[in-house]
Amino acid sequence: MLPMTSSKHFTIQELADGVYVALHRVAGLALCNACIVDLGDQTLIFDTFLTPQAAIDLSLAAESLTEHPASLVVNSHYHCDHTWGNQVFGPDAELICSEATRQQIATRGVDEVRWLKENSSERAALGERTLSSWIGLDKQARTHPIWQSYAQAVSEALPRLRPRPPNLTFDKCLTLHGVKRSIELISYTGGHTSSDTVLWLPQESILVGGDLIYFGAHPFLGEANPIELVAILSSLRNLKPRQIIPGHGPPGTLRELAALQDYLERLLKRADKLLEKGPRPDKSSKLAPPAAYQDWLLDEYYPTNLRRALQFLARERGWEVEIKATQFIDYHPL
């Protein structure tokens, strides 16, 4: 039987012998990237997609490609598009994440599912208003299909959804040794969420970054500390990865990672300049992205990103600033 190399939800790309990335299709129900790694005696999956439907295909692909069922499953962070597929993996699979991520899946993640199931009409109305407001806008022409797929995936996932927090946690770093290769899981705080894990394959110099890394798209900083994220990206660049897999979109290299860090540094400089006018600069949330990023996807994130930068820089100046995470279920057009 030929190995499974594609699904209606994703396509498989081989990164190295026994290392694969499942790149989400815009029209599918995966919504994020996942990775499959053959450790020789075990198979590891990194992130499980937004829907159980897509995760079933991911599980089948992993076993087809490595000849082992997935026995190690890692969640990079708690957001639903990386964790809702957890439930399809059986009791023999170890589900792994940082301790902080598990707490968030078991609390905010469970609350999110409950809210979505109990407020279907409100969710549908919110999604319709958001999508309708973007129709006809050139800036949103490319991102609009992404949110259409997101709304469809959430609706299709909810009826059979049962949140499943991982059963094995770690603090800062976990090394898993297989007969074919060893891999490292490294956890960072304050990056994309309060806890984000990357997968590092030192033998192949491959970095799987989850949503700490966006290429050609504005990152979602609604729960991030932009100052801390710059430091995290510097740390990741020091690994000198040869290939980098973001949480969404195509793979990249150190060049694209440097561009993301430059975006964040420019964001902080712009916020710093705005703060010269005082702790509450007017109309900051309505400023458009700089020209260098006009072609990047997801520019609807820019106002939130600038506001987060303003908040953290203001706090560094000693001003009293209340910093609240943008609720994921409120910010995304479900």
C-alpha atoms as a PDB file:
ATOM      1  CA  MET A   1       0.000   0.000   0.000  1.00  0.00           C
ATOM      2  CA  LEU A   2       1.331   3.441  -0.949  1.00  0.00           C
ATOM      3  CA  PRO A   3       1.872   5.903   1.928  1.00  0.00           C
ATOM      4  CA  MET A   4      -0.883   8.464   2.471  1.00  0.00           C
ATOM      5  CA  THR A   5       0.481  11.786   1.222  1.00  0.00           C
ATOM      6  CA  SER A   6      -2.579  14.022   1.130  1.00  0.00           C
ATOM      7  CA  SER A   7      -6.085  14.587   2.434  1.00  0.00           C
ATOM      8  CA  LYS A   8      -8.823  17.045   1.637  1.00  0.00           C
ATOM      9  CA  HIS A   9      -7.655  18.790   4.815  1.00  0.00           C
ATOM     10  CA  PHE A  10      -3.881  18.901   4.243  1.00  0.00           C
ATOM     11  CA  THR A  11      -0.958  17.947   2.013  1.00  0.00           C
ATOM     12  CA  ILE A  12       2.132  16.073   3.186  1.00  0.00           C
ATOM     13  CA  GLN A  13       5.623  17.370   2.484  1.00  0.00           C
ATOM     14  CA  GLU A  14       8.720  15.360   3.428  1.00  0.00           C
ATOM     15  CA  LEU A  15      11.297  17.507   5.231  1.00  0.00           C
ATOM     16  CA  ALA A  16      13.872  14.772   5.875  1.00  0.00           C
ATOM     17  CA  ASP A  17      13.896  10.996   6.076  1.00  0.00           C
ATOM     18  CA  GLY A  18      11.072  10.161   8.479  1.00  0.00           C
ATOM     19  CA  VAL A  19      10.096  13.810   9.093  1.00  0.00           C
ATOM     20  CA  TYR A  20       6.962  15.230   7.488  1.00  0.00           C
ATOM     21  CA  VAL A  21       4.855  18.371   7.678  1.00  0.00           C
ATOM     22  CA  ALA A  22       1.092  18.270   7.111  1.00  0.00           C
ATOM     23  CA  LEU A  23       0.318  21.657   5.559  1.00  0.00           C
ATOM     24  CA  HIS A  24      -3.289  22.690   6.004  1.00  0.00           C
ATOM     25  CA  ARG A  25      -5.422  23.326   2.940  1.00  0.00           C
ATOM     26  CA  VAL A  26      -7.352  26.611   3.039  1.00  0.00           C
ATOM     27  CA  ALA A  27     -10.585  24.838   2.107  1.00  0.00           C
ATOM     28  CA  GLY A  28     -10.076  21.972   4.553  1.00  0.00           C
ATOM     29  CA  LEU A  29     -10.861  21.530   8.248  1.00  0.00           C
ATOM     30  CA  ALA A  30      -7.310  21.381   9.615  1.00  0.00           C
ATOM     31  CA  LEU A  31      -6.630  25.136   9.917  1.00  0.00           C
ATOM     32  CA  CYS A  32      -3.057  24.735  11.208  1.00  0.00           C
ATOM     33  CA  ASN A  33       0.068  22.824  10.277  1.00  0.00           C
ATOM     34  CA  ALA A  34       1.072  19.585  11.997  1.00  0.00           C
ATOM     35  CA  CYS A  35       4.246  17.500  11.903  1.00  0.00           C
ATOM     36  CA  ILE A  36       4.877  13.763  11.873  1.00  0.00           C
ATOM     37  CA  VAL A  37       8.202  12.438  13.138  1.00  0.00           C
ATOM     38  CA  ASP A  38       9.389   8.828  12.983  1.00  0.00           C
ATOM     39  CA  LEU A  39      11.563   8.203  16.066  1.00  0.00           C
ATOM     40  CA  GLY A  40      12.240   4.671  14.846  1.00  0.00           C
ATOM     41  CA  ASP A  41      10.354   2.790  17.528  1.00  0.00           C
ATOM     42  CA  GLN A  42       7.606   5.380  18.007  1.00  0.00           C
ATOM     43  CA  THR A  43       5.765   7.977  15.951  1.00  0.00           C
ATOM     44  CA  LEU A  44       5.251  11.534  17.185  1.00  0.00           C
ATOM     45  CA  ILE A  45       2.644  14.035  16.012  1.00  0.00           C
ATOM     46  CA  PHE A  46       3.050  17.741  16.762  1.00  0.00           C
ATOM     47  CA  ASP A  47      -0.339  19.553  16.934  1.00  0.00           C
ATOM     48  CA  THR A  48      -3.650  17.909  16.096  1.00  0.00           C
ATOM     49  CA  PHE A  49      -5.629  20.413  13.975  1.00  0.00           C
ATOM     50  CA  LEU A  50      -8.894  22.196  14.629  1.00  0.00           C
ATOM     51  CA  THR A  51     -11.256  19.317  13.950  1.00  0.00           C
ATOM     52  CA  PRO A  52     -11.459  15.616  14.815  1.00  0.00           C
ATOM     53  CA  GLN A  53     -12.311  15.002  11.151  1.00  0.00           C
ATOM     54  CA  ALA A  54      -8.918  16.342  10.011  1.00  0.00           C
ATOM     55  CA  ALA A  55      -7.114  14.675  12.939  1.00  0.00           C
ATOM     56  CA  ILE A  56      -8.414  11.251  11.891  1.00  0.00           C
ATOM     57  CA  ASP A  57      -6.727  11.706   8.501  1.00  0.00           C
ATOM     58  CA  LEU A  58      -3.582  12.936  10.266  1.00  0.00           C
ATOM     59  CA  SER A  59      -3.499   9.811  12.420  1.00  0.00           C
ATOM     60  CA  LEU A  60      -3.947   7.597   9.351  1.00  0.00           C
ATOM     61  CA  ALA A  61      -1.220   9.472   7.470  1.00  0.00           C
ATOM     62  CA  ALA A  62       1.207   9.116  10.375  1.00  0.00           C
ATOM     63  CA  GLU A  63       0.745   5.361  10.564  1.00  0.00           C
ATOM     64  CA  SER A  64       0.921   5.026   6.783  1.00  0.00           C
ATOM     65  CA  LEU A  65       4.171   6.989   6.533  1.00  0.00           C
ATOM     66  CA  THR A  66       6.009   5.518   9.545  1.00  0.00           C
ATOM     67  CA  GLU A  67       4.383   2.079   9.888  1.00  0.00           C
ATOM     68  CA  HIS A  68       3.677   2.888  13.542  1.00  0.00           C
ATOM     69  CA  PRO A  69       0.504   4.418  15.013  1.00  0.00           C
ATOM     70  CA  ALA A  70       1.100   7.758  16.696  1.00  0.00           C
ATOM     71  CA  SER A  71       2.039   7.029  20.302  1.00  0.00           C
ATOM     72  CA  LEU A  72       3.334  10.512  21.191  1.00  0.00           C
ATOM     73  CA  VAL A  73       1.136  13.558  20.518  1.00  0.00           C
ATOM     74  CA  VAL A  74       2.255  17.096  21.381  1.00  0.00           C
ATOM     75  CA  ASN A  75       0.225  20.310  21.664  1.00  0.00           C
ATOM     76  CA  SER A  76       2.233  23.484  21.008  1.00  0.00           C
ATOM     77  CA  HIS A  77      -0.260  25.667  22.916  1.00  0.00           C
ATOM     78  CA  TYR A  78      -3.869  25.632  24.043  1.00  0.00           C
ATOM     79  CA  HIS A  79      -5.671  27.330  21.127  1.00  0.00           C
ATOM     80  CA  CYS A  80      -8.427  25.223  19.625  1.00  0.00           C
ATOM     81  CA  ASP A  81      -6.990  25.076  16.102  1.00  0.00           C
ATOM     82  CA  HIS A  82      -4.045  23.109  17.517  1.00  0.00           C
ATOM     83  CA  THR A  83      -5.817  20.907  20.097  1.00  0.00           C
ATOM     84  CA  TRP A  84      -9.365  19.938  19.148  1.00  0.00           C
ATOM     85  CA  GLY A  85      -8.064  16.901  17.291  1.00  0.00           C
ATOM     86  CA  ASN A  86      -6.672  15.397  20.522  1.00  0.00           C
ATOM     87  CA  GLN A  87      -9.728  13.248  21.086  1.00  0.00           C
ATOM     88  CA  VAL A  88      -9.106  10.948  18.111  1.00  0.00           C
ATOM     89  CA  PHE A  89      -5.941   9.469  19.604  1.00  0.00           C
ATOM     90  CA  GLY A  90      -6.522   6.365  21.694  1.00  0.00           C
ATOM     91  CA  PRO A  91      -5.581   5.603  25.300  1.00  0.00           C
ATOM     92  CA  ASP A  92      -2.244   4.113  24.199  1.00  0.00           C
ATOM     93  CA  ALA A  93      -1.069   7.515  22.961  1.00  0.00           C
ATOM     94  CA  GLU A  94       0.716   9.838  25.375  1.00  0.00           C
ATOM     95  CA  LEU A  95      -0.555  13.421  24.971  1.00  0.00           C
ATOM     96  CA  ILE A  96       2.183  15.889  25.890  1.00  0.00           C
ATOM     97  CA  CYS A  97       2.383  19.630  26.526  1.00  0.00           C
ATOM     98  CA  SER A  98       3.786  22.119  29.003  1.00  0.00           C
ATOM     99  CA  GLU A  99       2.139  22.230  32.416  1.00  0.00           C
ATOM    100  CA  ALA A 100       0.796  25.754  31.752  1.00  0.00           C
ATOM    101  CA  THR A 101      -0.683  24.693  28.412  1.00  0.00           C
ATOM    102  CA  ARG A 102      -2.490  21.783  30.036  1.00  0.00           C
ATOM    103  CA  GLN A 103      -4.011  24.109  32.621  1.00  0.00           C
ATOM    104  CA  GLN A 104      -5.262  26.395  29.847  1.00  0.00           C
ATOM    105  CA  ILE A 105      -6.737  23.525  27.814  1.00  0.00           C
ATOM    106  CA  ALA A 106      -8.510  22.224  30.924  1.00  0.00           C
ATOM    107  CA  THR A 107      -9.911  25.668  31.841  1.00  0.00           C
ATOM    108  CA  ARG A 108     -10.101  28.243  29.038  1.00  0.00           C
ATOM    109  CA  GLY A 109     -10.248  25.545  26.385  1.00  0.00           C
ATOM    110  CA  VAL A 110     -13.140  23.725  28.063  1.00  0.00           C
ATOM    111  CA  ASP A 111     -14.932  27.042  28.683  1.00  0.00           C
ATOM    112  CA  GLU A 112     -14.540  27.954  25.023  1.00  0.00           C
ATOM    113  CA  VAL A 113     -16.159  24.721  23.847  1.00  0.00           C
ATOM    114  CA  ARG A 114     -18.997  25.148  26.326  1.00  0.00           C
ATOM    115  CA  TRP A 115     -19.624  28.734  25.178  1.00  0.00           C
ATOM    116  CA  LEU A 116     -19.575  27.766  21.512  1.00  0.00           C
ATOM    117  CA  LYS A 117     -22.051  24.933  22.046  1.00  0.00           C
ATOM    118  CA  GLU A 118     -24.404  27.046  24.165  1.00  0.00           C
ATOM    119  CA  ASN A 119     -24.322  30.169  21.971  1.00  0.00           C
ATOM    120  CA  SER A 120     -24.610  28.847  18.448  1.00  0.00           C
ATOM    121  CA  SER A 121     -26.868  31.669  17.213  1.00  0.00           C
ATOM    122  CA  GLU A 122     -24.620  34.382  18.663  1.00  0.00           C
ATOM    123  CA  ARG A 123     -21.569  32.656  17.211  1.00  0.00           C
ATOM    124  CA  ALA A 124     -23.149  32.443  13.759  1.00  0.00           C
ATOM    125  CA  ALA A 125     -24.239  36.088  13.843  1.00  0.00           C
ATOM    126  CA  LEU A 126     -20.771  37.247  14.892  1.00  0.00           C
ATOM    127  CA  GLY A 127     -19.147  35.265  12.112  1.00  0.00           C
ATOM    128  CA  GLU A 128     -21.595  36.547   9.504  1.00  0.00           C
ATOM    129  CA  ARG A 129     -21.109  40.179  10.544  1.00  0.00           C
ATOM    130  CA  THR A 130     -17.339  39.870  10.449  1.00  0.00           C
ATOM    131  CA  LEU A 131     -17.157  38.073   7.113  1.00  0.00           C
ATOM    132  CA  SER A 132     -19.708  40.387   5.507  1.00  0.00           C
ATOM    133  CA  SER A 133     -17.738  43.444   6.588  1.00  0.00           C
ATOM    134  CA  TRP A 134     -14.678  42.092   4.746  1.00  0.00           C
ATOM    135  CA  ILE A 135     -16.383  41.203   1.456  1.00  0.00           C
ATOM    136  CA  GLY A 136     -15.290  43.589  -1.262  1.00  0.00           C
ATOM    137  CA  LEU A 137     -12.316  44.921   0.670  1.00  0.00           C
ATOM    138  CA  ASP A 138      -9.129  44.354  -1.307  1.00  0.00           C
ATOM    139  CA  LYS A 139      -7.070  44.044   1.875  1.00  0.00           C
ATOM    140  CA  GLN A 140      -9.135  41.100   3.061  1.00  0.00           C
ATOM    141  CA  ALA A 141      -9.585  39.337  -0.277  1.00  0.00           C
ATOM    142  CA  ARG A 142      -7.039  36.664   0.573  1.00  0.00           C
ATOM    143  CA  THR A 143      -7.814  36.196   4.258  1.00  0.00           C
ATOM    144  CA  HIS A 144     -11.587  35.994   3.809  1.00  0.00           C
ATOM    145  CA  PRO A 145     -11.464  32.320   2.617  1.00  0.00           C
ATOM    146  CA  ILE A 146      -9.401  31.448   5.696  1.00  0.00           C
ATOM    147  CA  TRP A 147     -12.136  32.711   8.021  1.00  0.00           C
ATOM    148  CA  GLN A 148     -14.838  31.033   5.962  1.00  0.00           C
ATOM    149  CA  SER A 149     -13.025  27.725   6.460  1.00  0.00           C
ATOM    150  CA  TYR A 150     -12.567  28.499  10.154  1.00  0.00           C
ATOM    151  CA  ALA A 151     -16.280  29.137  10.660  1.00  0.00           C
ATOM    152  CA  GLN A 152     -17.206  25.972   8.755  1.00  0.00           C
ATOM    153  CA  ALA A 153     -14.678  23.882  10.674  1.00  0.00           C
ATOM    154  CA  VAL A 154     -15.911  25.067  14.076  1.00  0.00           C
ATOM    155  CA  SER A 155     -19.509  24.265  13.126  1.00  0.00           C
ATOM    156  CA  GLU A 156     -18.609  20.787  11.885  1.00  0.00           C
ATOM    157  CA  ALA A 157     -16.361  19.985  14.846  1.00  0.00           C
ATOM    158  CA  LEU A 158     -18.670  21.015  17.688  1.00  0.00           C
ATOM    159  CA  PRO A 159     -21.292  18.216  17.577  1.00  0.00           C
ATOM    160  CA  ARG A 160     -18.716  15.496  18.281  1.00  0.00           C
ATOM    161  CA  LEU A 161     -16.195  17.570  20.220  1.00  0.00           C
ATOM    162  CA  ARG A 162     -14.887  16.401  23.609  1.00  0.00           C
ATOM    163  CA  PRO A 163     -11.934  18.469  24.880  1.00  0.00           C
ATOM    164  CA  ARG A 164      -9.055  16.221  25.895  1.00  0.00           C
ATOM    165  CA  PRO A 165      -6.197  17.744  27.916  1.00  0.00           C
ATOM    166  CA  PRO A 166      -2.807  16.009  27.634  1.00  0.00           C
ATOM    167  CA  ASN A 167      -1.844  13.508  30.337  1.00  0.00           C
ATOM    168  CA  LEU A 168       1.925  14.136  30.359  1.00  0.00           C
ATOM    169  CA  THR A 169       3.416  17.561  31.101  1.00  0.00           C
ATOM    170  CA  PHE A 170       6.853  19.120  31.387  1.00  0.00           C
ATOM    171  CA  ASP A 171       8.293  22.449  32.481  1.00  0.00           C
ATOM    172  CA  LYS A 172      10.935  24.007  30.226  1.00  0.00           C
ATOM    173  CA  CYS A 173      12.436  21.261  28.105  1.00  0.00           C
ATOM    174  CA  LEU A 174      11.782  17.607  27.361  1.00  0.00           C
ATOM    175  CA  THR A 175      14.038  15.359  25.275  1.00  0.00           C
ATOM    176  CA  LEU A 176      12.580  12.240  23.703  1.00  0.00           C
ATOM    177  CA  HIS A 177      15.043   9.593  22.524  1.00  0.00           C
ATOM    178  CA  GLY A 178      14.127   7.110  19.822  1.00  0.00           C
ATOM    179  CA  VAL A 179      16.210   4.460  18.095  1.00  0.00           C
ATOM    180  CA  LYS A 180      16.283   6.576  14.919  1.00  0.00           C
ATOM    181  CA  ARG A 181      16.546  10.122  16.289  1.00  0.00           C
ATOM    182  CA  SER A 182      16.105  12.291  19.361  1.00  0.00           C
ATOM    183  CA  ILE A 183      13.928  15.403  19.484  1.00  0.00           C
ATOM    184  CA  GLU A 184      13.581  18.282  21.925  1.00  0.00           C
ATOM    185  CA  LEU A 185      10.444  20.039  23.130  1.00  0.00           C
ATOM    186  CA  ILE A 186      11.233  23.554  24.366  1.00  0.00           C
ATOM    187  CA  SER A 187       8.641  25.676  26.169  1.00  0.00           C
ATOM    188  CA  TYR A 188       8.615  29.486  26.190  1.00  0.00           C
ATOM    189  CA  THR A 189       6.476  31.878  28.232  1.00  0.00           C
ATOM    190  CA  GLY A 190       4.903  35.107  27.038  1.00  0.00           C
ATOM    191  CA  GLY A 191       5.334  34.487  23.321  1.00  0.00           C
ATOM    192  CA  HIS A 192       2.089  33.808  21.468  1.00  0.00           C
ATOM    193  CA  THR A 193       0.257  32.717  24.612  1.00  0.00           C
ATOM    194  CA  SER A 194       1.446  32.356  28.197  1.00  0.00           C
ATOM    195  CA  SER A 195       3.063  29.044  27.183  1.00  0.00           C
ATOM    196  CA  ASP A 196       4.207  27.886  23.748  1.00  0.00           C
ATOM    197  CA  THR A 197       6.222  24.797  22.862  1.00  0.00           C
ATOM    198  CA  VAL A 198       8.453  24.327  19.821  1.00  0.00           C
ATOM    199  CA  LEU A 199       9.766  21.090  18.380  1.00  0.00           C
ATOM    200  CA  TRP A 200      13.500  21.036  17.624  1.00  0.00           C
ATOM    201  CA  LEU A 201      15.180  18.306  15.613  1.00  0.00           C
ATOM    202  CA  PRO A 202      18.908  18.955  16.156  1.00  0.00           C
ATOM    203  CA  GLN A 203      20.051  16.184  13.843  1.00  0.00           C
ATOM    204  CA  GLU A 204      18.168  17.678  10.876  1.00  0.00           C
ATOM    205  CA  SER A 205      18.202  21.350  12.031  1.00  0.00           C
ATOM    206  CA  ILE A 206      14.421  21.542  11.664  1.00  0.00           C
ATOM    207  CA  LEU A 207      12.380  23.852  13.882  1.00  0.00           C
ATOM    208  CA  VAL A 208       8.609  23.476  14.224  1.00  0.00           C
ATOM    209  CA  GLY A 209       7.480  26.707  15.836  1.00  0.00           C
ATOM    210  CA  GLY A 210       3.715  26.558  16.269  1.00  0.00           C
ATOM    211  CA  ASP A 211       2.157  30.015  16.426  1.00  0.00           C
ATOM    212  CA  LEU A 212       5.284  31.665  17.763  1.00  0.00           C
ATOM    213  CA  ILE A 213       6.120  31.911  14.073  1.00  0.00           C
ATOM    214  CA  TYR A 214       4.128  33.432  11.205  1.00  0.00           C
ATOM    215  CA  PHE A 215       5.573  33.898   7.718  1.00  0.00           C
ATOM    216  CA  GLY A 216       4.113  36.467   5.334  1.00  0.00           C
ATOM    217  CA  ALA A 217       1.282  37.176   7.754  1.00  0.00           C
ATOM    218  CA  HIS A 218       0.672  39.416  10.751  1.00  0.00           C
ATOM    219  CA  PRO A 219       1.066  37.372  13.958  1.00  0.00           C
ATOM    220  CA  PHE A 220      -1.784  37.177  16.458  1.00  0.00           C
ATOM    221  CA  LEU A 221      -0.535  39.034  19.565  1.00  0.00           C
ATOM    222  CA  GLY A 222      -3.842  39.192  21.437  1.00  0.00           C
ATOM    223  CA  GLU A 223      -2.327  37.201  24.318  1.00  0.00           C
ATOM    224  CA  ALA A 224       1.336  37.957  23.703  1.00  0.00           C
ATOM    225  CA  ASN A 225       4.013  40.129  25.229  1.00  0.00           C
ATOM    226  CA  PRO A 226       5.627  41.588  22.072  1.00  0.00           C
ATOM    227  CA  ILE A 227       8.799  42.487  23.970  1.00  0.00           C
ATOM    228  CA  GLU A 228       9.223  38.924  25.201  1.00  0.00           C
ATOM    229  CA  LEU A 229       8.404  37.523  21.764  1.00  0.00           C
ATOM    230  CA  VAL A 230      11.329  39.415  20.221  1.00  0.00           C
ATOM    231  CA  ALA A 231      13.640  37.766  22.761  1.00  0.00           C
ATOM    232  CA  ILE A 232      12.142  34.341  22.017  1.00  0.00           C
ATOM    233  CA  LEU A 233      12.678  34.763  18.281  1.00  0.00           C
ATOM    234  CA  SER A 234      16.294  35.731  18.927  1.00  0.00           C
ATOM    235  CA  SER A 235      16.702  32.516  20.910  1.00  0.00           C
ATOM    236  CA  LEU A 236      15.164  30.482  18.091  1.00  0.00           C
ATOM    237  CA  ARG A 237      17.409  32.143  15.510  1.00  0.00           C
ATOM    238  CA  ASN A 238      20.420  31.135  17.601  1.00  0.00           C
ATOM    239  CA  LEU A 239      19.497  27.495  16.983  1.00  0.00           C
ATOM    240  CA  LYS A 240      20.336  28.183  13.318  1.00  0.00           C
ATOM    241  CA  PRO A 241      17.558  26.008  11.890  1.00  0.00           C
ATOM    242  CA  ARG A 242      17.848  24.986   8.257  1.00  0.00           C
ATOM    243  CA  GLN A 243      14.075  24.605   7.842  1.00  0.00           C
ATOM    244  CA  ILE A 244      11.343  26.315   9.868  1.00  0.00           C
ATOM    245  CA  ILE A 245       7.698  25.258  10.016  1.00  0.00           C
ATOM    246  CA  PRO A 246       5.233  27.922  11.201  1.00  0.00           C
ATOM    247  CA  GLY A 247       1.886  27.171  12.796  1.00  0.00           C
ATOM    248  CA  HIS A 248       0.141  28.304   9.610  1.00  0.00           C
ATOM    249  CA  GLY A 249       1.300  28.707   6.034  1.00  0.00           C
ATOM    250  CA  PRO A 250       4.306  27.424   4.084  1.00  0.00           C
ATOM    251  CA  PRO A 251       7.723  26.518   5.530  1.00  0.00           C
ATOM    252  CA  GLY A 252      10.480  29.110   5.642  1.00  0.00           C
ATOM    253  CA  THR A 253      14.073  29.769   6.616  1.00  0.00           C
ATOM    254  CA  LEU A 254      16.065  32.104   8.839  1.00  0.00           C
ATOM    255  CA  ARG A 255      15.387  34.851   6.306  1.00  0.00           C
ATOM    256  CA  GLU A 256      11.635  34.745   6.942  1.00  0.00           C
ATOM    257  CA  LEU A 257      12.203  34.432  10.694  1.00  0.00           C
ATOM    258  CA  ALA A 258      14.344  37.586  10.600  1.00  0.00           C
ATOM    259  CA  ALA A 259      11.525  39.369   8.738  1.00  0.00           C
ATOM    260  CA  LEU A 260       9.084  38.445  11.509  1.00  0.00           C
ATOM    261  CA  GLN A 261      11.445  39.742  14.180  1.00  0.00           C
ATOM    262  CA  ASP A 262      11.873  42.952  12.177  1.00  0.00           C
ATOM    263  CA  TYR A 263       8.069  43.323  12.074  1.00  0.00           C
ATOM    264  CA  LEU A 264       7.877  43.101  15.862  1.00  0.00           C
ATOM    265  CA  GLU A 265      10.752  45.533  16.386  1.00  0.00           C
ATOM    266  CA  ARG A 266       9.104  48.048  14.036  1.00  0.00           C
ATOM    267  CA  LEU A 267       5.816  47.558  15.867  1.00  0.00           C
ATOM    268  CA  LEU A 268       7.487  48.355  19.191  1.00  0.00           C
ATOM    269  CA  LYS A 269       9.248  51.406  17.734  1.00  0.00           C
ATOM    270  CA  ARG A 270       5.952  52.737  16.408  1.00  0.00           C
ATOM    271  CA  ALA A 271       4.307  52.178  19.768  1.00  0.00           C
ATOM    272  CA  ASP A 272       7.197  53.892  21.529  1.00  0.00           C
ATOM    273  CA  LYS A 273       6.803  56.937  19.285  1.00  0.00           C
ATOM    274  CA  LEU A 274       3.064  57.053  19.956  1.00  0.00           C
ATOM    275  CA  LEU A 275       3.718  56.945  23.683  1.00  0.00           C
ATOM    276  CA  GLU A 276       5.620  60.202  23.434  1.00  0.00           C
ATOM    277  CA  LYS A 277       2.136  61.766  23.294  1.00  0.00           C
ATOM    278  CA  GLY A 278       1.198  60.207  26.624  1.00  0.00           C
ATOM    279  CA  PRO A 279      -0.195  56.945  27.963  1.00  0.00           C
ATOM    280  CA  ARG A 280      -3.357  57.140  25.819  1.00  0.00           C
ATOM    281  CA  PRO A 281      -2.416  58.054  22.260  1.00  0.00           C
ATOM    282  CA  ASP A 282      -5.490  58.854  20.194  1.00  0.00           C
ATOM    283  CA  LYS A 283      -6.556  56.731  17.252  1.00  0.00           C
ATOM    284  CA  SER A 284      -3.668  54.291  17.625  1.00  0.00           C
ATOM    285  CA  SER A 285      -5.990  51.356  16.962  1.00  0.00           C
ATOM    286  CA  LYS A 286      -6.919  52.804  13.559  1.00  0.00           C
ATOM    287  CA  LEU A 287      -3.410  53.101  12.177  1.00  0.00           C
ATOM    288  CA  ALA A 288      -2.704  51.014   9.088  1.00  0.00           C
ATOM    289  CA  PRO A 289       0.266  48.651   8.880  1.00  0.00           C
ATOM    290  CA  PRO A 290       3.490  50.109   7.449  1.00  0.00           C
ATOM    291  CA  ALA A 291       3.908  49.820   3.695  1.00  0.00           C
ATOM    292  CA  ALA A 292       6.442  47.011   4.097  1.00  0.00           C
ATOM    293  CA  TYR A 293       3.647  44.746   5.403  1.00  0.00           C
ATOM    294  CA  GLN A 294       0.768  45.768   3.149  1.00  0.00           C
ATOM    295  CA  ASP A 295       0.980  42.450   1.311  1.00  0.00           C
ATOM    296  CA  TRP A 296       1.047  40.317   4.455  1.00  0.00           C
ATOM    297  CA  LEU A 297      -2.032  38.270   5.246  1.00  0.00           C
ATOM    298  CA  LEU A 298      -4.175  38.837   8.338  1.00  0.00           C
ATOM    299  CA  ASP A 299      -3.670  42.590   8.536  1.00  0.00           C
ATOM    300  CA  GLU A 300      -6.874  42.700  10.574  1.00  0.00           C
ATOM    301  CA  TYR A 301      -4.572  41.706  13.452  1.00  0.00           C
ATOM    302  CA  TYR A 302      -2.460  44.854  13.237  1.00  0.00           C
ATOM    303  CA  PRO A 303      -4.601  47.137  15.468  1.00  0.00           C
ATOM    304  CA  THR A 304      -4.602  44.533  18.247  1.00  0.00           C
ATOM    305  CA  ASN A 305      -0.863  44.010  17.832  1.00  0.00           C
ATOM    306  CA  LEU A 306      -0.155  47.738  18.088  1.00  0.00           C
ATOM    307  CA  ARG A 307      -2.371  48.041  21.162  1.00  0.00           C
ATOM    308  CA  ARG A 308      -0.501  45.202  22.874  1.00  0.00           C
ATOM    309  CA  ALA A 309       2.826  46.874  22.112  1.00  0.00           C
ATOM    310  CA  LEU A 310       1.535  50.145  23.566  1.00  0.00           C
ATOM    311  CA  GLN A 311       0.344  48.410  26.737  1.00  0.00           C
ATOM    312  CA  PHE A 312       3.594  46.617  27.490  1.00  0.00           C
ATOM    313  CA  LEU A 313       5.812  49.603  26.695  1.00  0.00           C
ATOM    314  CA  ALA A 314       3.600  51.825  28.858  1.00  0.00           C
ATOM    315  CA  ARG A 315       3.949  49.408  31.731  1.00  0.00           C
ATOM    316  CA  GLU A 316       7.714  49.426  31.296  1.00  0.00           C
ATOM    317  CA  ARG A 317       7.593  53.213  31.695  1.00  0.00           C
ATOM    318  CA  GLY A 318       5.921  52.768  35.041  1.00  0.00           C
ATOM    319  CA  TRP A 319       2.408  53.761  33.991  1.00  0.00           C
ATOM    320  CA  GLU A 320      -0.477  51.856  35.502  1.00  0.00           C
ATOM    321  CA  VAL A 321      -1.813  49.777  32.641  1.00  0.00           C
ATOM    322  CA  GLU A 322      -4.284  46.923  32.863  1.00  0.00           C
ATOM    323  CA  ILE A 323      -3.298  44.252  30.356  1.00  0.00           C
ATOM    324  CA  LYS A 324      -5.939  41.699  29.482  1.00  0.00           C
ATOM    325  CA  ALA A 325      -5.622  38.984  26.880  1.00  0.00           C
ATOM    326  CA  THR A 326      -7.917  39.327  23.904  1.00  0.00           C
ATOM    327  CA  GLN A 327     -10.363  36.477  24.302  1.00  0.00           C
ATOM    328  CA  PHE A 328      -9.649  34.010  21.522  1.00  0.00           C
ATOM    329  CA  ILE A 329     -13.324  33.150  21.056  1.00  0.00           C
ATOM    330  CA  ASP A 330     -14.240  36.845  20.919  1.00  0.00           C
ATOM    331  CA  TYR A 331     -11.479  37.945  18.577  1.00  0.00           C
ATOM    332  CA  HIS A 332     -11.803  35.244  15.963  1.00  0.00           C
ATOM    333  CA  PRO A 333     -14.896  35.414  13.723  1.00  0.00           C
ATOM    334  CA  LEU A 334     -16.478  32.114  14.675  1.00  0.00           C
END
